[in-house]
Amino acid sequence: MNAIIIDDDKRVCRIISGFIKTDFPEIEVIATAHDLLSGYEAIVKYAPELLFLDIHLPDGTGFDLLEKLDNIGFKLIFIT
């Protein structure tokens, strides 16, 4: 399973990536992003199966990002 982490705090992205690598080796973090635009671009480019999404981002909310997507074909875990 591939995953993307979107959180404005780079430290949080590293921590979550570490937990996933250690405890869930079947999940590969294929990208991280730190705002809505780069998050949207990563989702479109990589089509993840799993998304870890922060609710509060510097340029909007995780809900704003979800509204921009035509198709949500991934499982979603909110992180905040």
PDB file of N, CA and C in Angstrom:
ATOM      1  N   MET A   1       0.853  -1.171   0.000  1.00  0.00           N
ATOM      2  CA  MET A   1       0.000   0.000   0.000  1.00  0.00           C
ATOM      3  C   MET A   1       0.894   1.228   0.000  1.00  0.00           C
ATOM      4  N   ASN A   2       0.545   2.217  -0.822  1.00  0.00           N
ATOM      5  CA  ASN A   2       1.342   3.441  -0.828  1.00  0.00           C
ATOM      6  C   ASN A   2       0.565   4.572  -0.153  1.00  0.00           C
ATOM      7  N   ALA A   3       1.315   5.505   0.427  1.00  0.00           N
ATOM      8  CA  ALA A   3       0.696   6.564   1.223  1.00  0.00           C
ATOM      9  C   ALA A   3       1.383   7.898   0.991  1.00  0.00           C
ATOM     10  N   ILE A   4       0.617   8.952   1.213  1.00  0.00           N
ATOM     11  CA  ILE A   4       1.128  10.325   1.206  1.00  0.00           C
ATOM     12  C   ILE A   4       0.780  10.944   2.559  1.00  0.00           C
ATOM     13  N   ILE A   5       1.714  11.737   3.073  1.00  0.00           N
ATOM     14  CA  ILE A   5       1.485  12.480   4.315  1.00  0.00           C
ATOM     15  C   ILE A   5       1.466  13.965   3.967  1.00  0.00           C
ATOM     16  N   ILE A   6       0.397  14.653   4.378  1.00  0.00           N
ATOM     17  CA  ILE A   6       0.305  16.091   4.158  1.00  0.00           C
ATOM     18  C   ILE A   6       0.144  16.767   5.518  1.00  0.00           C
ATOM     19  N   ASP A   7       1.171  17.493   5.912  1.00  0.00           N
ATOM     20  CA  ASP A   7       1.173  18.216   7.184  1.00  0.00           C
ATOM     21  C   ASP A   7       2.136  19.379   7.048  1.00  0.00           C
ATOM     22  N   ASP A   8       1.778  20.543   7.554  1.00  0.00           N
ATOM     23  CA  ASP A   8       2.645  21.708   7.435  1.00  0.00           C
ATOM     24  C   ASP A   8       3.883  21.626   8.329  1.00  0.00           C
ATOM     25  N   ASP A   9       3.888  20.747   9.294  1.00  0.00           N
ATOM     26  CA  ASP A   9       5.026  20.573  10.205  1.00  0.00           C
ATOM     27  C   ASP A   9       5.898  19.422   9.685  1.00  0.00           C
ATOM     28  N   LYS A  10       7.060  19.763   9.164  1.00  0.00           N
ATOM     29  CA  LYS A  10       7.951  18.744   8.586  1.00  0.00           C
ATOM     30  C   LYS A  10       8.367  17.700   9.621  1.00  0.00           C
ATOM     31  N   ARG A  11       8.477  18.118  10.874  1.00  0.00           N
ATOM     32  CA  ARG A  11       8.836  17.184  11.942  1.00  0.00           C
ATOM     33  C   ARG A  11       7.754  16.118  12.102  1.00  0.00           C
ATOM     34  N   VAL A  12       6.497  16.518  12.028  1.00  0.00           N
ATOM     35  CA  VAL A  12       5.384  15.570  12.131  1.00  0.00           C
ATOM     36  C   VAL A  12       5.442  14.567  10.976  1.00  0.00           C
ATOM     37  N   CYS A  13       5.738  15.044   9.782  1.00  0.00           N
ATOM     38  CA  CYS A  13       5.865  14.142   8.628  1.00  0.00           C
ATOM     39  C   CYS A  13       6.958  13.107   8.869  1.00  0.00           C
ATOM     40  N   ARG A  14       8.095  13.544   9.402  1.00  0.00           N
ATOM     41  CA  ARG A  14       9.194  12.606   9.685  1.00  0.00           C
ATOM     42  C   ARG A  14       8.797  11.591  10.749  1.00  0.00           C
ATOM     43  N   ILE A  15       8.115  12.043  11.794  1.00  0.00           N
ATOM     44  CA  ILE A  15       7.702  11.152  12.877  1.00  0.00           C
ATOM     45  C   ILE A  15       6.716  10.104  12.366  1.00  0.00           C
ATOM     46  N   ILE A  16       5.706  10.545  11.638  1.00  0.00           N
ATOM     47  CA  ILE A  16       4.715   9.604  11.109  1.00  0.00           C
ATOM     48  C   ILE A  16       5.369   8.638  10.129  1.00  0.00           C
ATOM     49  N   SER A  17       6.237   9.143   9.275  1.00  0.00           N
ATOM     50  CA  SER A  17       6.965   8.263   8.344  1.00  0.00           C
ATOM     51  C   SER A  17       7.760   7.211   9.100  1.00  0.00           C
ATOM     52  N   GLY A  18       8.392   7.613  10.192  1.00  0.00           N
ATOM     53  CA  GLY A  18       9.162   6.673  11.004  1.00  0.00           C
ATOM     54  C   GLY A  18       8.287   5.603  11.627  1.00  0.00           C
ATOM     55  N   PHE A  19       7.147   6.013  12.172  1.00  0.00           N
ATOM     56  CA  PHE A  19       6.209   5.032  12.748  1.00  0.00           C
ATOM     57  C   PHE A  19       5.743   4.039  11.689  1.00  0.00           C
ATOM     58  N   ILE A  20       5.414   4.546  10.521  1.00  0.00           N
ATOM     59  CA  ILE A  20       4.940   3.675   9.446  1.00  0.00           C
ATOM     60  C   ILE A  20       6.027   2.690   9.045  1.00  0.00           C
ATOM     61  N   LYS A  21       7.230   3.189   8.855  1.00  0.00           N
ATOM     62  CA  LYS A  21       8.344   2.325   8.432  1.00  0.00           C
ATOM     63  C   LYS A  21       8.622   1.231   9.461  1.00  0.00           C
ATOM     64  N   THR A  22       8.560   1.584  10.738  1.00  0.00           N
ATOM     65  CA  THR A  22       8.855   0.637  11.805  1.00  0.00           C
ATOM     66  C   THR A  22       7.717  -0.351  12.050  1.00  0.00           C
ATOM     67  N   ASP A  23       6.494   0.160  12.110  1.00  0.00           N
ATOM     68  CA  ASP A  23       5.363  -0.653  12.549  1.00  0.00           C
ATOM     69  C   ASP A  23       4.482  -1.197  11.423  1.00  0.00           C
ATOM     70  N   PHE A  24       4.578  -0.597  10.246  1.00  0.00           N
ATOM     71  CA  PHE A  24       3.730  -1.017   9.122  1.00  0.00           C
ATOM     72  C   PHE A  24       4.565  -1.117   7.847  1.00  0.00           C
ATOM     73  N   PRO A  25       5.450  -2.084   7.759  1.00  0.00           N
ATOM     74  CA  PRO A  25       6.343  -2.177   6.599  1.00  0.00           C
ATOM     75  C   PRO A  25       5.614  -2.400   5.270  1.00  0.00           C
ATOM     76  N   GLU A  26       4.355  -2.792   5.336  1.00  0.00           N
ATOM     77  CA  GLU A  26       3.588  -2.988   4.107  1.00  0.00           C
ATOM     78  C   GLU A  26       3.113  -1.661   3.499  1.00  0.00           C
ATOM     79  N   ILE A  27       3.298  -0.552   4.238  1.00  0.00           N
ATOM     80  CA  ILE A  27       2.927   0.779   3.747  1.00  0.00           C
ATOM     81  C   ILE A  27       4.202   1.522   3.364  1.00  0.00           C
ATOM     82  N   GLU A  28       4.215   2.053   2.150  1.00  0.00           N
ATOM     83  CA  GLU A  28       5.349   2.843   1.678  1.00  0.00           C
ATOM     84  C   GLU A  28       4.913   4.298   1.537  1.00  0.00           C
ATOM     85  N   VAL A  29       5.613   5.198   2.214  1.00  0.00           N
ATOM     86  CA  VAL A  29       5.338   6.626   2.074  1.00  0.00           C
ATOM     87  C   VAL A  29       6.019   7.082   0.789  1.00  0.00           C
ATOM     88  N   ILE A  30       5.199   7.432  -0.206  1.00  0.00           N
ATOM     89  CA  ILE A  30       5.738   7.780  -1.523  1.00  0.00           C
ATOM     90  C   ILE A  30       5.931   9.279  -1.698  1.00  0.00           C
ATOM     91  N   ALA A  31       5.323  10.088  -0.803  1.00  0.00           N
ATOM     92  CA  ALA A  31       5.484  11.540  -0.893  1.00  0.00           C
ATOM     93  C   ALA A  31       5.020  12.184   0.406  1.00  0.00           C
ATOM     94  N   THR A  32       5.561  13.368   0.651  1.00  0.00           N
ATOM     95  CA  THR A  32       5.061  14.225   1.723  1.00  0.00           C
ATOM     96  C   THR A  32       4.827  15.605   1.110  1.00  0.00           C
ATOM     97  N   ALA A  33       3.918  16.349   1.717  1.00  0.00           N
ATOM     98  CA  ALA A  33       3.634  17.708   1.263  1.00  0.00           C
ATOM     99  C   ALA A  33       3.315  18.554   2.483  1.00  0.00           C
ATOM    100  N   HIS A  34       3.462  19.879   2.318  1.00  0.00           N
ATOM    101  CA  HIS A  34       3.337  20.756   3.477  1.00  0.00           C
ATOM    102  C   HIS A  34       2.317  21.878   3.297  1.00  0.00           C
ATOM    103  N   ASP A  35       1.579  21.852   2.189  1.00  0.00           N
ATOM    104  CA  ASP A  35       0.513  22.824   1.968  1.00  0.00           C
ATOM    105  C   ASP A  35      -0.495  22.247   0.979  1.00  0.00           C
ATOM    106  N   LEU A  36      -1.573  22.989   0.728  1.00  0.00           N
ATOM    107  CA  LEU A  36      -2.631  22.484  -0.141  1.00  0.00           C
ATOM    108  C   LEU A  36      -2.147  22.239  -1.564  1.00  0.00           C
ATOM    109  N   LEU A  37      -1.430  23.194  -2.133  1.00  0.00           N
ATOM    110  CA  LEU A  37      -1.018  23.071  -3.529  1.00  0.00           C
ATOM    111  C   LEU A  37      -0.110  21.869  -3.743  1.00  0.00           C
ATOM    112  N   SER A  38       0.932  21.746  -2.925  1.00  0.00           N
ATOM    113  CA  SER A  38       1.843  20.606  -3.114  1.00  0.00           C
ATOM    114  C   SER A  38       1.155  19.295  -2.743  1.00  0.00           C
ATOM    115  N   GLY A  39       0.233  19.331  -1.796  1.00  0.00           N
ATOM    116  CA  GLY A  39      -0.535  18.136  -1.451  1.00  0.00           C
ATOM    117  C   GLY A  39      -1.412  17.695  -2.600  1.00  0.00           C
ATOM    118  N   TYR A  40      -2.116  18.643  -3.208  1.00  0.00           N
ATOM    119  CA  TYR A  40      -2.967  18.342  -4.355  1.00  0.00           C
ATOM    120  C   TYR A  40      -2.135  17.750  -5.495  1.00  0.00           C
ATOM    121  N   GLU A  41      -1.008  18.374  -5.789  1.00  0.00           N
ATOM    122  CA  GLU A  41      -0.141  17.898  -6.865  1.00  0.00           C
ATOM    123  C   GLU A  41       0.361  16.482  -6.588  1.00  0.00           C
ATOM    124  N   ALA A  42       0.718  16.190  -5.339  1.00  0.00           N
ATOM    125  CA  ALA A  42       1.201  14.850  -4.983  1.00  0.00           C
ATOM    126  C   ALA A  42       0.092  13.810  -5.144  1.00  0.00           C
ATOM    127  N   ILE A  43      -1.124  14.155  -4.738  1.00  0.00           N
ATOM    128  CA  ILE A  43      -2.238  13.217  -4.865  1.00  0.00           C
ATOM    129  C   ILE A  43      -2.514  12.910  -6.334  1.00  0.00           C
ATOM    130  N   VAL A  44      -2.543  13.945  -7.164  1.00  0.00           N
ATOM    131  CA  VAL A  44      -2.808  13.753  -8.592  1.00  0.00           C
ATOM    132  C   VAL A  44      -1.679  12.942  -9.249  1.00  0.00           C
ATOM    133  N   LYS A  45      -0.455  13.239  -8.890  1.00  0.00           N
ATOM    134  CA  LYS A  45       0.698  12.570  -9.504  1.00  0.00           C
ATOM    135  C   LYS A  45       0.810  11.105  -9.084  1.00  0.00           C
ATOM    136  N   TYR A  46       0.634  10.816  -7.802  1.00  0.00           N
ATOM    137  CA  TYR A  46       0.931   9.486  -7.274  1.00  0.00           C
ATOM    138  C   TYR A  46      -0.289   8.598  -7.018  1.00  0.00           C
ATOM    139  N   ALA A  47      -1.494   9.164  -6.995  1.00  0.00           N
ATOM    140  CA  ALA A  47      -2.719   8.393  -6.746  1.00  0.00           C
ATOM    141  C   ALA A  47      -2.551   7.430  -5.565  1.00  0.00           C
ATOM    142  N   PRO A  48      -2.402   7.971  -4.360  1.00  0.00           N
ATOM    143  CA  PRO A  48      -2.145   7.115  -3.197  1.00  0.00           C
ATOM    144  C   PRO A  48      -3.336   6.230  -2.838  1.00  0.00           C
ATOM    145  N   GLU A  49      -3.030   5.164  -2.142  1.00  0.00           N
ATOM    146  CA  GLU A  49      -4.072   4.303  -1.595  1.00  0.00           C
ATOM    147  C   GLU A  49      -4.488   4.767  -0.200  1.00  0.00           C
ATOM    148  N   LEU A  50      -3.590   5.519   0.459  1.00  0.00           N
ATOM    149  CA  LEU A  50      -3.812   5.992   1.820  1.00  0.00           C
ATOM    150  C   LEU A  50      -3.278   7.415   1.936  1.00  0.00           C
ATOM    151  N   LEU A  51      -4.041   8.284   2.585  1.00  0.00           N
ATOM    152  CA  LEU A  51      -3.636   9.667   2.779  1.00  0.00           C
ATOM    153  C   LEU A  51      -3.723  10.022   4.253  1.00  0.00           C
ATOM    154  N   PHE A  52      -2.620  10.523   4.806  1.00  0.00           N
ATOM    155  CA  PHE A  52      -2.591  11.100   6.143  1.00  0.00           C
ATOM    156  C   PHE A  52      -2.672  12.606   5.936  1.00  0.00           C
ATOM    157  N   LEU A  53      -3.724  13.235   6.450  1.00  0.00           N
ATOM    158  CA  LEU A  53      -3.995  14.632   6.116  1.00  0.00           C
ATOM    159  C   LEU A  53      -4.217  15.479   7.364  1.00  0.00           C
ATOM    160  N   ASP A  54      -3.416  16.522   7.489  1.00  0.00           N
ATOM    161  CA  ASP A  54      -3.591  17.503   8.562  1.00  0.00           C
ATOM    162  C   ASP A  54      -4.823  18.351   8.234  1.00  0.00           C
ATOM    163  N   ILE A  55      -5.524  18.782   9.234  1.00  0.00           N
ATOM    164  CA  ILE A  55      -6.711  19.598   9.001  1.00  0.00           C
ATOM    165  C   ILE A  55      -6.326  21.060   8.772  1.00  0.00           C
ATOM    166  N   HIS A  56      -5.385  21.576   9.544  1.00  0.00           N
ATOM    167  CA  HIS A  56      -4.993  22.977   9.425  1.00  0.00           C
ATOM    168  C   HIS A  56      -3.684  23.083   8.661  1.00  0.00           C
ATOM    169  N   LEU A  57      -3.732  23.706   7.495  1.00  0.00           N
ATOM    170  CA  LEU A  57      -2.560  23.914   6.655  1.00  0.00           C
ATOM    171  C   LEU A  57      -2.391  25.418   6.432  1.00  0.00           C
ATOM    172  N   PRO A  58      -1.216  25.859   6.022  1.00  0.00           N
ATOM    173  CA  PRO A  58      -0.988  27.301   5.923  1.00  0.00           C
ATOM    174  C   PRO A  58      -1.880  28.011   4.900  1.00  0.00           C
ATOM    175  N   ASP A  59      -2.332  27.302   3.887  1.00  0.00           N
ATOM    176  CA  ASP A  59      -3.122  27.942   2.838  1.00  0.00           C
ATOM    177  C   ASP A  59      -4.561  27.416   2.764  1.00  0.00           C
ATOM    178  N   GLY A  60      -5.054  26.848   3.857  1.00  0.00           N
ATOM    179  CA  GLY A  60      -6.424  26.360   3.902  1.00  0.00           C
ATOM    180  C   GLY A  60      -6.545  25.172   4.836  1.00  0.00           C
ATOM    181  N   THR A  61      -7.565  24.359   4.598  1.00  0.00           N
ATOM    182  CA  THR A  61      -7.783  23.189   5.445  1.00  0.00           C
ATOM    183  C   THR A  61      -7.712  21.915   4.611  1.00  0.00           C
ATOM    184  N   GLY A  62      -7.581  20.806   5.295  1.00  0.00           N
ATOM    185  CA  GLY A  62      -7.617  19.517   4.627  1.00  0.00           C
ATOM    186  C   GLY A  62      -8.936  19.312   3.907  1.00  0.00           C
ATOM    187  N   PHE A  63     -10.007  19.871   4.451  1.00  0.00           N
ATOM    188  CA  PHE A  63     -11.313  19.766   3.805  1.00  0.00           C
ATOM    189  C   PHE A  63     -11.326  20.539   2.483  1.00  0.00           C
ATOM    190  N   ASP A  64     -10.635  21.683   2.445  1.00  0.00           N
ATOM    191  CA  ASP A  64     -10.514  22.440   1.194  1.00  0.00           C
ATOM    192  C   ASP A  64      -9.823  21.585   0.125  1.00  0.00           C
ATOM    193  N   LEU A  65      -8.802  20.885   0.541  1.00  0.00           N
ATOM    194  CA  LEU A  65      -8.075  20.024  -0.387  1.00  0.00           C
ATOM    195  C   LEU A  65      -8.982  18.928  -0.929  1.00  0.00           C
ATOM    196  N   LEU A  66      -9.721  18.283  -0.056  1.00  0.00           N
ATOM    197  CA  LEU A  66     -10.610  17.203  -0.487  1.00  0.00           C
ATOM    198  C   LEU A  66     -11.665  17.704  -1.471  1.00  0.00           C
ATOM    199  N   GLU A  67     -12.139  18.931  -1.281  1.00  0.00           N
ATOM    200  CA  GLU A  67     -13.138  19.494  -2.190  1.00  0.00           C
ATOM    201  C   GLU A  67     -12.588  19.726  -3.593  1.00  0.00           C
ATOM    202  N   LYS A  68     -11.273  19.909  -3.725  1.00  0.00           N
ATOM    203  CA  LYS A  68     -10.647  20.133  -5.030  1.00  0.00           C
ATOM    204  C   LYS A  68     -10.513  18.849  -5.848  1.00  0.00           C
ATOM    205  N   LEU A  69     -10.620  17.710  -5.199  1.00  0.00           N
ATOM    206  CA  LEU A  69     -10.407  16.442  -5.881  1.00  0.00           C
ATOM    207  C   LEU A  69     -11.681  15.958  -6.550  1.00  0.00           C
ATOM    208  N   ASP A  70     -11.546  15.484  -7.783  1.00  0.00           N
ATOM    209  CA  ASP A  70     -12.692  14.936  -8.501  1.00  0.00           C
ATOM    210  C   ASP A  70     -13.070  13.561  -7.984  1.00  0.00           C
ATOM    211  N   ASN A  71     -12.063  12.791  -7.628  1.00  0.00           N
ATOM    212  CA  ASN A  71     -12.295  11.405  -7.214  1.00  0.00           C
ATOM    213  C   ASN A  71     -11.449  11.115  -5.978  1.00  0.00           C
ATOM    214  N   ILE A  72     -12.074  10.657  -4.922  1.00  0.00           N
ATOM    215  CA  ILE A  72     -11.334  10.271  -3.721  1.00  0.00           C
ATOM    216  C   ILE A  72     -11.284   8.749  -3.714  1.00  0.00           C
ATOM    217  N   GLY A  73     -10.204   8.218  -4.251  1.00  0.00           N
ATOM    218  CA  GLY A  73     -10.047   6.773  -4.355  1.00  0.00           C
ATOM    219  C   GLY A  73      -9.049   6.231  -3.349  1.00  0.00           C
ATOM    220  N   PHE A  74      -8.947   6.878  -2.195  1.00  0.00           N
ATOM    221  CA  PHE A  74      -7.986   6.458  -1.178  1.00  0.00           C
ATOM    222  C   PHE A  74      -8.662   6.426   0.185  1.00  0.00           C
ATOM    223  N   LYS A  75      -8.029   5.696   1.087  1.00  0.00           N
ATOM    224  CA  LYS A  75      -8.449   5.720   2.490  1.00  0.00           C
ATOM    225  C   LYS A  75      -7.826   6.974   3.108  1.00  0.00           C
ATOM    226  N   LEU A  76      -8.498   7.537   4.105  1.00  0.00           N
ATOM    227  CA  LEU A  76      -8.086   8.812   4.665  1.00  0.00           C
ATOM    228  C   LEU A  76      -7.970   8.734   6.180  1.00  0.00           C
ATOM    229  N   ILE A  77      -6.858   9.234   6.694  1.00  0.00           N
ATOM    230  CA  ILE A  77      -6.663   9.364   8.134  1.00  0.00           C
ATOM    231  C   ILE A  77      -6.328  10.823   8.406  1.00  0.00           C
ATOM    232  N   PHE A  78      -7.171  11.501   9.192  1.00  0.00           N
ATOM    233  CA  PHE A  78      -6.886  12.876   9.556  1.00  0.00           C
ATOM    234  C   PHE A  78      -5.874  12.901  10.697  1.00  0.00           C
ATOM    235  N   ILE A  79      -4.904  13.794  10.575  1.00  0.00           N
ATOM    236  CA  ILE A  79      -3.929  14.022  11.640  1.00  0.00           C
ATOM    237  C   ILE A  79      -3.998  15.505  11.988  1.00  0.00           C
ATOM    238  N   THR A  80      -3.940  15.805  13.259  1.00  0.00           N
ATOM    239  CA  THR A  80      -4.015  17.213  13.649  1.00  0.00           C
ATOM    240  C   THR A  80      -3.418  17.429  15.024  1.00  0.00           C
TER     241      THR A  80
END
